[in-house]
Amino acid sequence: MRDLCKIGDPVLFYHSSCAQPGIVGIGEIASEPYPDPTQFEETSGYFDAKSPQEKPRWVQVDVRVLHKVRLVSIAELRTIPGCEGMRVLQKGNRLSITPVNEDEWKALQPYLIPQT
């Protein structure tokens, strides 16, 4: 995220740890990466004693919501031609941030129907 995300890059919002995981929205990167302040707060659940202020270990970006889409479930995602290699579909992946390449993004477009 720190090195690859640029302001304006599109993002997919994905719900996990729920009854029906899947893509539920589209957004965009809205800021440059900056240190996550919770890593320095001793009372925070995200405090990291090994993260110095001058060289933080954890960064974040702001994300702007553009619109909700109808749920594209994990089961449906597996059936979309061109999406079979998506990292979110790979066993053991870490869901918080996974890349989507340009071909996968294009393959998803017909399925990302805006909700009103």
PDB file of N, CA and C in Angstrom:
ATOM      1  N   MET A   1       0.828  -1.181   0.000  1.00  0.00           N
ATOM      2  CA  MET A   1       0.000   0.000   0.000  1.00  0.00           C
ATOM      3  C   MET A   1       0.874   1.246   0.000  1.00  0.00           C
ATOM      4  N   ARG A   2       1.892   1.233   0.801  1.00  0.00           N
ATOM      5  CA  ARG A   2       2.741   2.421   0.926  1.00  0.00           C
ATOM      6  C   ARG A   2       3.384   2.789  -0.406  1.00  0.00           C
ATOM      7  N   ASP A   3       3.812   1.790  -1.164  1.00  0.00           N
ATOM      8  CA  ASP A   3       4.567   2.053  -2.378  1.00  0.00           C
ATOM      9  C   ASP A   3       3.735   2.030  -3.656  1.00  0.00           C
ATOM     10  N   LEU A   4       2.578   1.371  -3.637  1.00  0.00           N
ATOM     11  CA  LEU A   4       1.825   1.172  -4.871  1.00  0.00           C
ATOM     12  C   LEU A   4       0.577   2.038  -5.007  1.00  0.00           C
ATOM     13  N   CYS A   5      -0.084   2.376  -3.918  1.00  0.00           N
ATOM     14  CA  CYS A   5      -1.330   3.154  -3.988  1.00  0.00           C
ATOM     15  C   CYS A   5      -1.029   4.611  -4.291  1.00  0.00           C
ATOM     16  N   LYS A   6      -1.770   5.144  -5.259  1.00  0.00           N
ATOM     17  CA  LYS A   6      -1.649   6.557  -5.629  1.00  0.00           C
ATOM     18  C   LYS A   6      -3.026   7.206  -5.533  1.00  0.00           C
ATOM     19  N   ILE A   7      -3.058   8.488  -5.240  1.00  0.00           N
ATOM     20  CA  ILE A   7      -4.326   9.209  -5.180  1.00  0.00           C
ATOM     21  C   ILE A   7      -5.075   9.014  -6.497  1.00  0.00           C
ATOM     22  N   GLY A   8      -6.356   8.671  -6.381  1.00  0.00           N
ATOM     23  CA  GLY A   8      -7.197   8.448  -7.552  1.00  0.00           C
ATOM     24  C   GLY A   8      -7.279   7.002  -7.992  1.00  0.00           C
ATOM     25  N   ASP A   9      -6.389   6.134  -7.486  1.00  0.00           N
ATOM     26  CA  ASP A   9      -6.461   4.715  -7.840  1.00  0.00           C
ATOM     27  C   ASP A   9      -7.793   4.140  -7.373  1.00  0.00           C
ATOM     28  N   PRO A  10      -8.430   3.320  -8.209  1.00  0.00           N
ATOM     29  CA  PRO A  10      -9.694   2.714  -7.798  1.00  0.00           C
ATOM     30  C   PRO A  10      -9.470   1.596  -6.784  1.00  0.00           C
ATOM     31  N   VAL A  11     -10.467   1.392  -5.934  1.00  0.00           N
ATOM     32  CA  VAL A  11     -10.434   0.301  -4.955  1.00  0.00           C
ATOM     33  C   VAL A  11     -11.802  -0.371  -4.919  1.00  0.00           C
ATOM     34  N   LEU A  12     -11.799  -1.626  -4.527  1.00  0.00           N
ATOM     35  CA  LEU A  12     -13.026  -2.376  -4.311  1.00  0.00           C
ATOM     36  C   LEU A  12     -13.215  -2.553  -2.818  1.00  0.00           C
ATOM     37  N   PHE A  13     -14.423  -2.332  -2.336  1.00  0.00           N
ATOM     38  CA  PHE A  13     -14.742  -2.621  -0.939  1.00  0.00           C
ATOM     39  C   PHE A  13     -15.251  -4.055  -0.883  1.00  0.00           C
ATOM     40  N   TYR A  14     -14.669  -4.821   0.008  1.00  0.00           N
ATOM     41  CA  TYR A  14     -14.977  -6.239   0.113  1.00  0.00           C
ATOM     42  C   TYR A  14     -15.372  -6.545   1.546  1.00  0.00           C
ATOM     43  N   HIS A  15     -16.545  -7.142   1.734  1.00  0.00           N
ATOM     44  CA  HIS A  15     -16.963  -7.568   3.074  1.00  0.00           C
ATOM     45  C   HIS A  15     -16.483  -8.983   3.308  1.00  0.00           C
ATOM     46  N   SER A  16     -15.874  -9.204   4.461  1.00  0.00           N
ATOM     47  CA  SER A  16     -15.443 -10.543   4.851  1.00  0.00           C
ATOM     48  C   SER A  16     -15.966 -10.817   6.260  1.00  0.00           C
ATOM     49  N   SER A  17     -15.737 -12.018   6.737  1.00  0.00           N
ATOM     50  CA  SER A  17     -16.201 -12.399   8.079  1.00  0.00           C
ATOM     51  C   SER A  17     -17.688 -12.079   8.242  1.00  0.00           C
ATOM     52  N   CYS A  18     -18.473 -12.440   7.259  1.00  0.00           N
ATOM     53  CA  CYS A  18     -19.909 -12.217   7.292  1.00  0.00           C
ATOM     54  C   CYS A  18     -20.599 -13.384   6.592  1.00  0.00           C
ATOM     55  N   ALA A  19     -21.913 -13.396   6.609  1.00  0.00           N
ATOM     56  CA  ALA A  19     -22.662 -14.514   6.031  1.00  0.00           C
ATOM     57  C   ALA A  19     -22.341 -14.714   4.548  1.00  0.00           C
ATOM     58  N   GLN A  20     -22.210 -13.640   3.799  1.00  0.00           N
ATOM     59  CA  GLN A  20     -21.917 -13.751   2.377  1.00  0.00           C
ATOM     60  C   GLN A  20     -20.815 -12.768   1.989  1.00  0.00           C
ATOM     61  N   PRO A  21     -19.548 -13.210   2.053  1.00  0.00           N
ATOM     62  CA  PRO A  21     -18.444 -12.331   1.682  1.00  0.00           C
ATOM     63  C   PRO A  21     -18.509 -11.941   0.206  1.00  0.00           C
ATOM     64  N   GLY A  22     -18.028 -10.743  -0.104  1.00  0.00           N
ATOM     65  CA  GLY A  22     -17.955 -10.339  -1.495  1.00  0.00           C
ATOM     66  C   GLY A  22     -17.725  -8.858  -1.658  1.00  0.00           C
ATOM     67  N   ILE A  23     -17.660  -8.440  -2.915  1.00  0.00           N
ATOM     68  CA  ILE A  23     -17.468  -7.032  -3.270  1.00  0.00           C
ATOM     69  C   ILE A  23     -18.791  -6.300  -3.076  1.00  0.00           C
ATOM     70  N   VAL A  24     -18.744  -5.142  -2.412  1.00  0.00           N
ATOM     71  CA  VAL A  24     -19.965  -4.380  -2.131  1.00  0.00           C
ATOM     72  C   VAL A  24     -19.870  -2.906  -2.529  1.00  0.00           C
ATOM     73  N   GLY A  25     -18.705  -2.462  -3.003  1.00  0.00           N
ATOM     74  CA  GLY A  25     -18.592  -1.052  -3.344  1.00  0.00           C
ATOM     75  C   GLY A  25     -17.321  -0.728  -4.103  1.00  0.00           C
ATOM     76  N   ILE A  26     -17.310   0.485  -4.637  1.00  0.00           N
ATOM     77  CA  ILE A  26     -16.151   1.010  -5.353  1.00  0.00           C
ATOM     78  C   ILE A  26     -15.764   2.334  -4.699  1.00  0.00           C
ATOM     79  N   GLY A  27     -14.468   2.530  -4.590  1.00  0.00           N
ATOM     80  CA  GLY A  27     -13.955   3.775  -4.037  1.00  0.00           C
ATOM     81  C   GLY A  27     -12.681   4.164  -4.749  1.00  0.00           C
ATOM     82  N   GLU A  28     -11.981   5.120  -4.141  1.00  0.00           N
ATOM     83  CA  GLU A  28     -10.691   5.533  -4.697  1.00  0.00           C
ATOM     84  C   GLU A  28      -9.778   5.976  -3.571  1.00  0.00           C
ATOM     85  N   ILE A  29      -8.491   5.857  -3.813  1.00  0.00           N
ATOM     86  CA  ILE A  29      -7.495   6.336  -2.857  1.00  0.00           C
ATOM     87  C   ILE A  29      -7.594   7.858  -2.812  1.00  0.00           C
ATOM     88  N   ALA A  30      -7.701   8.409  -1.596  1.00  0.00           N
ATOM     89  CA  ALA A  30      -7.943   9.848  -1.439  1.00  0.00           C
ATOM     90  C   ALA A  30      -6.798  10.590  -0.756  1.00  0.00           C
ATOM     91  N   SER A  31      -5.718   9.893  -0.399  1.00  0.00           N
ATOM     92  CA  SER A  31      -4.587  10.583   0.233  1.00  0.00           C
ATOM     93  C   SER A  31      -3.302   9.831  -0.063  1.00  0.00           C
ATOM     94  N   GLU A  32      -2.208  10.524   0.151  1.00  0.00           N
ATOM     95  CA  GLU A  32      -0.911   9.858   0.130  1.00  0.00           C
ATOM     96  C   GLU A  32      -0.812   8.999   1.397  1.00  0.00           C
ATOM     97  N   PRO A  33       0.018   7.964   1.400  1.00  0.00           N
ATOM     98  CA  PRO A  33       0.211   7.184   2.628  1.00  0.00           C
ATOM     99  C   PRO A  33       0.791   8.056   3.737  1.00  0.00           C
ATOM    100  N   TYR A  34       0.346   7.779   4.967  1.00  0.00           N
ATOM    101  CA  TYR A  34       0.877   8.492   6.133  1.00  0.00           C
ATOM    102  C   TYR A  34       0.881   7.535   7.321  1.00  0.00           C
ATOM    103  N   PRO A  35       1.721   7.798   8.320  1.00  0.00           N
ATOM    104  CA  PRO A  35       1.821   6.880   9.459  1.00  0.00           C
ATOM    105  C   PRO A  35       0.487   6.704  10.181  1.00  0.00           C
ATOM    106  N   ASP A  36       0.180   5.479  10.530  1.00  0.00           N
ATOM    107  CA  ASP A  36      -1.002   5.184  11.336  1.00  0.00           C
ATOM    108  C   ASP A  36      -0.713   5.662  12.754  1.00  0.00           C
ATOM    109  N   PRO A  37      -1.438   6.664  13.249  1.00  0.00           N
ATOM    110  CA  PRO A  37      -1.113   7.221  14.563  1.00  0.00           C
ATOM    111  C   PRO A  37      -1.366   6.247  15.720  1.00  0.00           C
ATOM    112  N   THR A  38      -2.218   5.263  15.531  1.00  0.00           N
ATOM    113  CA  THR A  38      -2.530   4.340  16.632  1.00  0.00           C
ATOM    114  C   THR A  38      -1.335   3.478  17.018  1.00  0.00           C
ATOM    115  N   GLN A  39      -0.367   3.324  16.134  1.00  0.00           N
ATOM    116  CA  GLN A  39       0.804   2.509  16.458  1.00  0.00           C
ATOM    117  C   GLN A  39       1.662   3.146  17.548  1.00  0.00           C
ATOM    118  N   PHE A  40       1.493   4.447  17.771  1.00  0.00           N
ATOM    119  CA  PHE A  40       2.290   5.157  18.774  1.00  0.00           C
ATOM    120  C   PHE A  40       1.540   5.380  20.089  1.00  0.00           C
ATOM    121  N   GLU A  41       0.239   5.055  20.111  1.00  0.00           N
ATOM    122  CA  GLU A  41      -0.592   5.297  21.290  1.00  0.00           C
ATOM    123  C   GLU A  41      -0.593   4.072  22.195  1.00  0.00           C
ATOM    124  N   GLU A  42       0.028   4.190  23.352  1.00  0.00           N
ATOM    125  CA  GLU A  42       0.169   3.047  24.254  1.00  0.00           C
ATOM    126  C   GLU A  42      -1.164   2.462  24.699  1.00  0.00           C
ATOM    127  N   THR A  43      -2.207   3.248  24.697  1.00  0.00           N
ATOM    128  CA  THR A  43      -3.516   2.749  25.116  1.00  0.00           C
ATOM    129  C   THR A  43      -4.299   2.117  23.961  1.00  0.00           C
ATOM    130  N   SER A  44      -3.754   2.172  22.759  1.00  0.00           N
ATOM    131  CA  SER A  44      -4.439   1.622  21.594  1.00  0.00           C
ATOM    132  C   SER A  44      -4.204   0.119  21.468  1.00  0.00           C
ATOM    133  N   GLY A  45      -5.198  -0.580  20.968  1.00  0.00           N
ATOM    134  CA  GLY A  45      -5.044  -2.005  20.669  1.00  0.00           C
ATOM    135  C   GLY A  45      -4.080  -2.238  19.525  1.00  0.00           C
ATOM    136  N   TYR A  46      -3.722  -1.176  18.817  1.00  0.00           N
ATOM    137  CA  TYR A  46      -2.797  -1.278  17.683  1.00  0.00           C
ATOM    138  C   TYR A  46      -1.407  -0.726  18.008  1.00  0.00           C
ATOM    139  N   PHE A  47      -1.175  -0.459  19.279  1.00  0.00           N
ATOM    140  CA  PHE A  47       0.130   0.047  19.703  1.00  0.00           C
ATOM    141  C   PHE A  47       1.220  -0.937  19.311  1.00  0.00           C
ATOM    142  N   ASP A  48       2.316  -0.403  18.768  1.00  0.00           N
ATOM    143  CA  ASP A  48       3.465  -1.219  18.371  1.00  0.00           C
ATOM    144  C   ASP A  48       4.719  -0.600  18.982  1.00  0.00           C
ATOM    145  N   ALA A  49       5.184  -1.168  20.047  1.00  0.00           N
ATOM    146  CA  ALA A  49       6.350  -0.647  20.764  1.00  0.00           C
ATOM    147  C   ALA A  49       7.608  -0.657  19.902  1.00  0.00           C
ATOM    148  N   LYS A  50       7.631  -1.483  18.860  1.00  0.00           N
ATOM    149  CA  LYS A  50       8.808  -1.576  17.995  1.00  0.00           C
ATOM    150  C   LYS A  50       8.754  -0.606  16.815  1.00  0.00           C
ATOM    151  N   SER A  51       7.749   0.246  16.779  1.00  0.00           N
ATOM    152  CA  SER A  51       7.604   1.190  15.677  1.00  0.00           C
ATOM    153  C   SER A  51       8.035   2.585  16.119  1.00  0.00           C
ATOM    154  N   PRO A  52       9.217   3.034  15.690  1.00  0.00           N
ATOM    155  CA  PRO A  52       9.675   4.371  16.094  1.00  0.00           C
ATOM    156  C   PRO A  52       8.984   5.479  15.289  1.00  0.00           C
ATOM    157  N   GLN A  53       8.781   6.618  15.923  1.00  0.00           N
ATOM    158  CA  GLN A  53       8.151   7.767  15.261  1.00  0.00           C
ATOM    159  C   GLN A  53       8.897   8.156  13.984  1.00  0.00           C
ATOM    160  N   GLU A  54      10.229   8.099  14.023  1.00  0.00           N
ATOM    161  CA  GLU A  54      11.010   8.548  12.871  1.00  0.00           C
ATOM    162  C   GLU A  54      11.026   7.543  11.715  1.00  0.00           C
ATOM    163  N   LYS A  55      10.642   6.277  11.971  1.00  0.00           N
ATOM    164  CA  LYS A  55      10.564   5.270  10.908  1.00  0.00           C
ATOM    165  C   LYS A  55       9.401   4.319  11.216  1.00  0.00           C
ATOM    166  N   PRO A  56       8.165   4.776  11.028  1.00  0.00           N
ATOM    167  CA  PRO A  56       6.987   3.981  11.385  1.00  0.00           C
ATOM    168  C   PRO A  56       6.888   2.686  10.578  1.00  0.00           C
ATOM    169  N   ARG A  57       6.359   1.666  11.229  1.00  0.00           N
ATOM    170  CA  ARG A  57       6.169   0.371  10.568  1.00  0.00           C
ATOM    171  C   ARG A  57       4.826   0.284   9.861  1.00  0.00           C
ATOM    172  N   TRP A  58       3.835   1.066  10.300  1.00  0.00           N
ATOM    173  CA  TRP A  58       2.465   0.964   9.796  1.00  0.00           C
ATOM    174  C   TRP A  58       2.034   2.258   9.138  1.00  0.00           C
ATOM    175  N   VAL A  59       1.499   2.145   7.907  1.00  0.00           N
ATOM    176  CA  VAL A  59       0.992   3.314   7.193  1.00  0.00           C
ATOM    177  C   VAL A  59      -0.460   3.069   6.806  1.00  0.00           C
ATOM    178  N   GLN A  60      -1.128   4.147   6.476  1.00  0.00           N
ATOM    179  CA  GLN A  60      -2.516   4.049   6.031  1.00  0.00           C
ATOM    180  C   GLN A  60      -2.747   5.082   4.945  1.00  0.00           C
ATOM    181  N   VAL A  61      -3.848   4.919   4.236  1.00  0.00           N
ATOM    182  CA  VAL A  61      -4.305   5.918   3.276  1.00  0.00           C
ATOM    183  C   VAL A  61      -5.778   6.175   3.558  1.00  0.00           C
ATOM    184  N   ASP A  62      -6.249   7.322   3.134  1.00  0.00           N
ATOM    185  CA  ASP A  62      -7.675   7.601   3.203  1.00  0.00           C
ATOM    186  C   ASP A  62      -8.307   7.076   1.917  1.00  0.00           C
ATOM    187  N   VAL A  63      -9.527   6.549   2.056  1.00  0.00           N
ATOM    188  CA  VAL A  63     -10.266   6.006   0.916  1.00  0.00           C
ATOM    189  C   VAL A  63     -11.604   6.734   0.837  1.00  0.00           C
ATOM    190  N   ARG A  64     -11.960   7.159  -0.363  1.00  0.00           N
ATOM    191  CA  ARG A  64     -13.239   7.847  -0.601  1.00  0.00           C
ATOM    192  C   ARG A  64     -14.201   6.838  -1.231  1.00  0.00           C
ATOM    193  N   VAL A  65     -15.394   6.740  -0.657  1.00  0.00           N
ATOM    194  CA  VAL A  65     -16.437   5.880  -1.215  1.00  0.00           C
ATOM    195  C   VAL A  65     -17.035   6.575  -2.431  1.00  0.00           C
ATOM    196  N   LEU A  66     -17.127   5.863  -3.555  1.00  0.00           N
ATOM    197  CA  LEU A  66     -17.763   6.418  -4.750  1.00  0.00           C
ATOM    198  C   LEU A  66     -19.193   5.925  -4.881  1.00  0.00           C
ATOM    199  N   HIS A  67     -19.391   4.613  -4.758  1.00  0.00           N
ATOM    200  CA  HIS A  67     -20.749   4.087  -4.751  1.00  0.00           C
ATOM    201  C   HIS A  67     -20.784   2.624  -4.329  1.00  0.00           C
ATOM    202  N   LYS A  68     -21.945   2.243  -3.826  1.00  0.00           N
ATOM    203  CA  LYS A  68     -22.196   0.847  -3.485  1.00  0.00           C
ATOM    204  C   LYS A  68     -22.538   0.107  -4.770  1.00  0.00           C
ATOM    205  N   VAL A  69     -22.233  -1.186  -4.781  1.00  0.00           N
ATOM    206  CA  VAL A  69     -22.639  -2.039  -5.897  1.00  0.00           C
ATOM    207  C   VAL A  69     -23.412  -3.225  -5.340  1.00  0.00           C
ATOM    208  N   ARG A  70     -24.154  -3.894  -6.203  1.00  0.00           N
ATOM    209  CA  ARG A  70     -24.818  -5.107  -5.760  1.00  0.00           C
ATOM    210  C   ARG A  70     -23.733  -6.080  -5.330  1.00  0.00           C
ATOM    211  N   LEU A  71     -24.037  -6.929  -4.392  1.00  0.00           N
ATOM    212  CA  LEU A  71     -23.059  -7.884  -3.888  1.00  0.00           C
ATOM    213  C   LEU A  71     -22.570  -8.793  -5.008  1.00  0.00           C
ATOM    214  N   VAL A  72     -21.254  -8.842  -5.181  1.00  0.00           N
ATOM    215  CA  VAL A  72     -20.624  -9.842  -6.046  1.00  0.00           C
ATOM    216  C   VAL A  72     -19.972 -10.811  -5.072  1.00  0.00           C
ATOM    217  N   SER A  73     -20.670 -11.908  -4.814  1.00  0.00           N
ATOM    218  CA  SER A  73     -20.227 -12.865  -3.790  1.00  0.00           C
ATOM    219  C   SER A  73     -18.941 -13.563  -4.213  1.00  0.00           C
ATOM    220  N   ILE A  74     -18.294 -14.150  -3.249  1.00  0.00           N
ATOM    221  CA  ILE A  74     -17.067 -14.904  -3.520  1.00  0.00           C
ATOM    222  C   ILE A  74     -17.363 -16.047  -4.485  1.00  0.00           C
ATOM    223  N   ALA A  75     -18.539 -16.682  -4.332  1.00  0.00           N
ATOM    224  CA  ALA A  75     -18.924 -17.775  -5.237  1.00  0.00           C
ATOM    225  C   ALA A  75     -19.079 -17.249  -6.664  1.00  0.00           C
ATOM    226  N   GLU A  76     -19.742 -16.090  -6.820  1.00  0.00           N
ATOM    227  CA  GLU A  76     -19.898 -15.514  -8.153  1.00  0.00           C
ATOM    228  C   GLU A  76     -18.557 -15.061  -8.711  1.00  0.00           C
ATOM    229  N   LEU A  77     -17.736 -14.475  -7.873  1.00  0.00           N
ATOM    230  CA  LEU A  77     -16.422 -14.004  -8.300  1.00  0.00           C
ATOM    231  C   LEU A  77     -15.615 -15.143  -8.914  1.00  0.00           C
ATOM    232  N   ARG A  78     -15.738 -16.335  -8.362  1.00  0.00           N
ATOM    233  CA  ARG A  78     -15.010 -17.512  -8.881  1.00  0.00           C
ATOM    234  C   ARG A  78     -15.469 -17.899 -10.287  1.00  0.00           C
ATOM    235  N   THR A  79     -16.665 -17.478 -10.707  1.00  0.00           N
ATOM    236  CA  THR A  79     -17.203 -17.859 -12.019  1.00  0.00           C
ATOM    237  C   THR A  79     -16.928 -16.825 -13.100  1.00  0.00           C
ATOM    238  N   ILE A  80     -16.420 -15.661 -12.745  1.00  0.00           N
ATOM    239  CA  ILE A  80     -16.222 -14.584 -13.721  1.00  0.00           C
ATOM    240  C   ILE A  80     -14.940 -14.840 -14.508  1.00  0.00           C
ATOM    241  N   PRO A  81     -15.070 -15.042 -15.834  1.00  0.00           N
ATOM    242  CA  PRO A  81     -13.877 -15.262 -16.657  1.00  0.00           C
ATOM    243  C   PRO A  81     -12.899 -14.092 -16.516  1.00  0.00           C
ATOM    244  N   GLY A  82     -11.653 -14.417 -16.302  1.00  0.00           N
ATOM    245  CA  GLY A  82     -10.619 -13.398 -16.125  1.00  0.00           C
ATOM    246  C   GLY A  82     -10.328 -13.071 -14.674  1.00  0.00           C
ATOM    247  N   CYS A  83     -11.152 -13.587 -13.763  1.00  0.00           N
ATOM    248  CA  CYS A  83     -10.961 -13.284 -12.343  1.00  0.00           C
ATOM    249  C   CYS A  83     -10.442 -14.482 -11.553  1.00  0.00           C
ATOM    250  N   GLU A  84     -10.274 -15.606 -12.208  1.00  0.00           N
ATOM    251  CA  GLU A  84      -9.882 -16.811 -11.476  1.00  0.00           C
ATOM    252  C   GLU A  84      -8.548 -16.699 -10.751  1.00  0.00           C
ATOM    253  N   GLY A  85      -7.673 -15.811 -11.178  1.00  0.00           N
ATOM    254  CA  GLY A  85      -6.375 -15.640 -10.528  1.00  0.00           C
ATOM    255  C   GLY A  85      -6.341 -14.567  -9.452  1.00  0.00           C
ATOM    256  N   MET A  86      -7.483 -13.934  -9.171  1.00  0.00           N
ATOM    257  CA  MET A  86      -7.490 -12.853  -8.188  1.00  0.00           C
ATOM    258  C   MET A  86      -6.973 -13.333  -6.840  1.00  0.00           C
ATOM    259  N   ARG A  87      -6.144 -12.522  -6.230  1.00  0.00           N
ATOM    260  CA  ARG A  87      -5.543 -12.897  -4.953  1.00  0.00           C
ATOM    261  C   ARG A  87      -6.587 -13.120  -3.872  1.00  0.00           C
ATOM    262  N   VAL A  88      -7.691 -12.368  -3.906  1.00  0.00           N
ATOM    263  CA  VAL A  88      -8.736 -12.523  -2.896  1.00  0.00           C
ATOM    264  C   VAL A  88      -9.338 -13.936  -2.936  1.00  0.00           C
ATOM    265  N   LEU A  89      -9.196 -14.637  -4.061  1.00  0.00           N
ATOM    266  CA  LEU A  89      -9.729 -15.987  -4.202  1.00  0.00           C
ATOM    267  C   LEU A  89      -8.731 -17.068  -3.794  1.00  0.00           C
ATOM    268  N   GLN A  90      -7.496 -16.684  -3.549  1.00  0.00           N
ATOM    269  CA  GLN A  90      -6.469 -17.662  -3.211  1.00  0.00           C
ATOM    270  C   GLN A  90      -6.528 -18.027  -1.739  1.00  0.00           C
ATOM    271  N   LYS A  91      -6.330 -19.285  -1.485  1.00  0.00           N
ATOM    272  CA  LYS A  91      -6.356 -19.794  -0.115  1.00  0.00           C
ATOM    273  C   LYS A  91      -5.231 -19.157   0.705  1.00  0.00           C
ATOM    274  N   GLY A  92      -5.577 -18.759   1.923  1.00  0.00           N
ATOM    275  CA  GLY A  92      -4.577 -18.230   2.848  1.00  0.00           C
ATOM    276  C   GLY A  92      -4.205 -16.782   2.619  1.00  0.00           C
ATOM    277  N   ASN A  93      -4.917 -16.081   1.734  1.00  0.00           N
ATOM    278  CA  ASN A  93      -4.563 -14.686   1.498  1.00  0.00           C
ATOM    279  C   ASN A  93      -5.018 -13.823   2.683  1.00  0.00           C
ATOM    280  N   ARG A  94      -4.415 -12.669   2.813  1.00  0.00           N
ATOM    281  CA  ARG A  94      -4.773 -11.700   3.849  1.00  0.00           C
ATOM    282  C   ARG A  94      -5.691 -10.676   3.209  1.00  0.00           C
ATOM    283  N   LEU A  95      -6.944 -10.646   3.637  1.00  0.00           N
ATOM    284  CA  LEU A  95      -7.964  -9.863   2.949  1.00  0.00           C
ATOM    285  C   LEU A  95      -7.867  -8.359   3.100  1.00  0.00           C
ATOM    286  N   SER A  96      -7.159  -7.850   4.076  1.00  0.00           N
ATOM    287  CA  SER A  96      -7.241  -6.414   4.311  1.00  0.00           C
ATOM    288  C   SER A  96      -6.868  -5.606   3.068  1.00  0.00           C
ATOM    289  N   ILE A  97      -5.895  -6.063   2.329  1.00  0.00           N
ATOM    290  CA  ILE A  97      -5.506  -5.375   1.098  1.00  0.00           C
ATOM    291  C   ILE A  97      -4.997  -6.426   0.125  1.00  0.00           C
ATOM    292  N   THR A  98      -5.636  -6.514  -1.039  1.00  0.00           N
ATOM    293  CA  THR A  98      -5.141  -7.404  -2.092  1.00  0.00           C
ATOM    294  C   THR A  98      -5.191  -6.650  -3.413  1.00  0.00           C
ATOM    295  N   PRO A  99      -4.179  -6.835  -4.249  1.00  0.00           N
ATOM    296  CA  PRO A  99      -4.169  -6.124  -5.526  1.00  0.00           C
ATOM    297  C   PRO A  99      -5.167  -6.724  -6.515  1.00  0.00           C
ATOM    298  N   VAL A 100      -5.631  -5.884  -7.436  1.00  0.00           N
ATOM    299  CA  VAL A 100      -6.466  -6.297  -8.564  1.00  0.00           C
ATOM    300  C   VAL A 100      -5.771  -5.750  -9.795  1.00  0.00           C
ATOM    301  N   ASN A 101      -5.412  -6.637 -10.725  1.00  0.00           N
ATOM    302  CA  ASN A 101      -4.713  -6.130 -11.904  1.00  0.00           C
ATOM    303  C   ASN A 101      -5.703  -5.564 -12.915  1.00  0.00           C
ATOM    304  N   GLU A 102      -5.189  -4.916 -13.947  1.00  0.00           N
ATOM    305  CA  GLU A 102      -6.039  -4.213 -14.910  1.00  0.00           C
ATOM    306  C   GLU A 102      -6.997  -5.163 -15.628  1.00  0.00           C
ATOM    307  N   ASP A 103      -6.541  -6.354 -15.998  1.00  0.00           N
ATOM    308  CA  ASP A 103      -7.416  -7.314 -16.674  1.00  0.00           C
ATOM    309  C   ASP A 103      -8.539  -7.785 -15.754  1.00  0.00           C
ATOM    310  N   GLU A 104      -8.236  -8.026 -14.482  1.00  0.00           N
ATOM    311  CA  GLU A 104      -9.266  -8.426 -13.517  1.00  0.00           C
ATOM    312  C   GLU A 104     -10.286  -7.303 -13.328  1.00  0.00           C
ATOM    313  N   TRP A 105      -9.798  -6.066 -13.218  1.00  0.00           N
ATOM    314  CA  TRP A 105     -10.683  -4.909 -13.059  1.00  0.00           C
ATOM    315  C   TRP A 105     -11.648  -4.819 -14.248  1.00  0.00           C
ATOM    316  N   LYS A 106     -11.111  -4.966 -15.463  1.00  0.00           N
ATOM    317  CA  LYS A 106     -11.954  -4.903 -16.664  1.00  0.00           C
ATOM    318  C   LYS A 106     -12.973  -6.039 -16.677  1.00  0.00           C
ATOM    319  N   ALA A 107     -12.562  -7.239 -16.281  1.00  0.00           N
ATOM    320  CA  ALA A 107     -13.472  -8.386 -16.263  1.00  0.00           C
ATOM    321  C   ALA A 107     -14.608  -8.173 -15.264  1.00  0.00           C
ATOM    322  N   LEU A 108     -14.354  -7.454 -14.183  1.00  0.00           N
ATOM    323  CA  LEU A 108     -15.359  -7.214 -13.145  1.00  0.00           C
ATOM    324  C   LEU A 108     -16.393  -6.155 -13.521  1.00  0.00           C
ATOM    325  N   GLN A 109     -16.055  -5.244 -14.394  1.00  0.00           N
ATOM    326  CA  GLN A 109     -16.902  -4.081 -14.659  1.00  0.00           C
ATOM    327  C   GLN A 109     -18.372  -4.416 -14.950  1.00  0.00           C
ATOM    328  N   PRO A 110     -18.692  -5.409 -15.783  1.00  0.00           N
ATOM    329  CA  PRO A 110     -20.115  -5.695 -16.032  1.00  0.00           C
ATOM    330  C   PRO A 110     -20.869  -6.182 -14.798  1.00  0.00           C
ATOM    331  N   TYR A 111     -20.158  -6.623 -13.767  1.00  0.00           N
ATOM    332  CA  TYR A 111     -20.780  -7.182 -12.565  1.00  0.00           C
ATOM    333  C   TYR A 111     -20.927  -6.155 -11.441  1.00  0.00           C
ATOM    334  N   LEU A 112     -20.283  -5.010 -11.594  1.00  0.00           N
ATOM    335  CA  LEU A 112     -20.291  -3.985 -10.554  1.00  0.00           C
ATOM    336  C   LEU A 112     -21.427  -3.003 -10.808  1.00  0.00           C
ATOM    337  N   ILE A 113     -22.639  -3.465 -10.553  1.00  0.00           N
ATOM    338  CA  ILE A 113     -23.842  -2.695 -10.836  1.00  0.00           C
ATOM    339  C   ILE A 113     -24.138  -1.781  -9.649  1.00  0.00           C
ATOM    340  N   PRO A 114     -24.144  -0.451  -9.884  1.00  0.00           N
ATOM    341  CA  PRO A 114     -24.381   0.488  -8.776  1.00  0.00           C
ATOM    342  C   PRO A 114     -25.730   0.275  -8.101  1.00  0.00           C
ATOM    343  N   GLN A 115     -25.753   0.419  -6.780  1.00  0.00           N
ATOM    344  CA  GLN A 115     -26.973   0.376  -5.995  1.00  0.00           C
ATOM    345  C   GLN A 115     -27.482   1.803  -5.842  1.00  0.00           C
ATOM    346  N   THR A 116     -28.761   1.967  -5.789  1.00  0.00           N
ATOM    347  CA  THR A 116     -29.321   3.311  -5.611  1.00  0.00           C
ATOM    348  C   THR A 116     -29.915   3.437  -4.228  1.00  0.00           C
TER     349      THR A 116
END
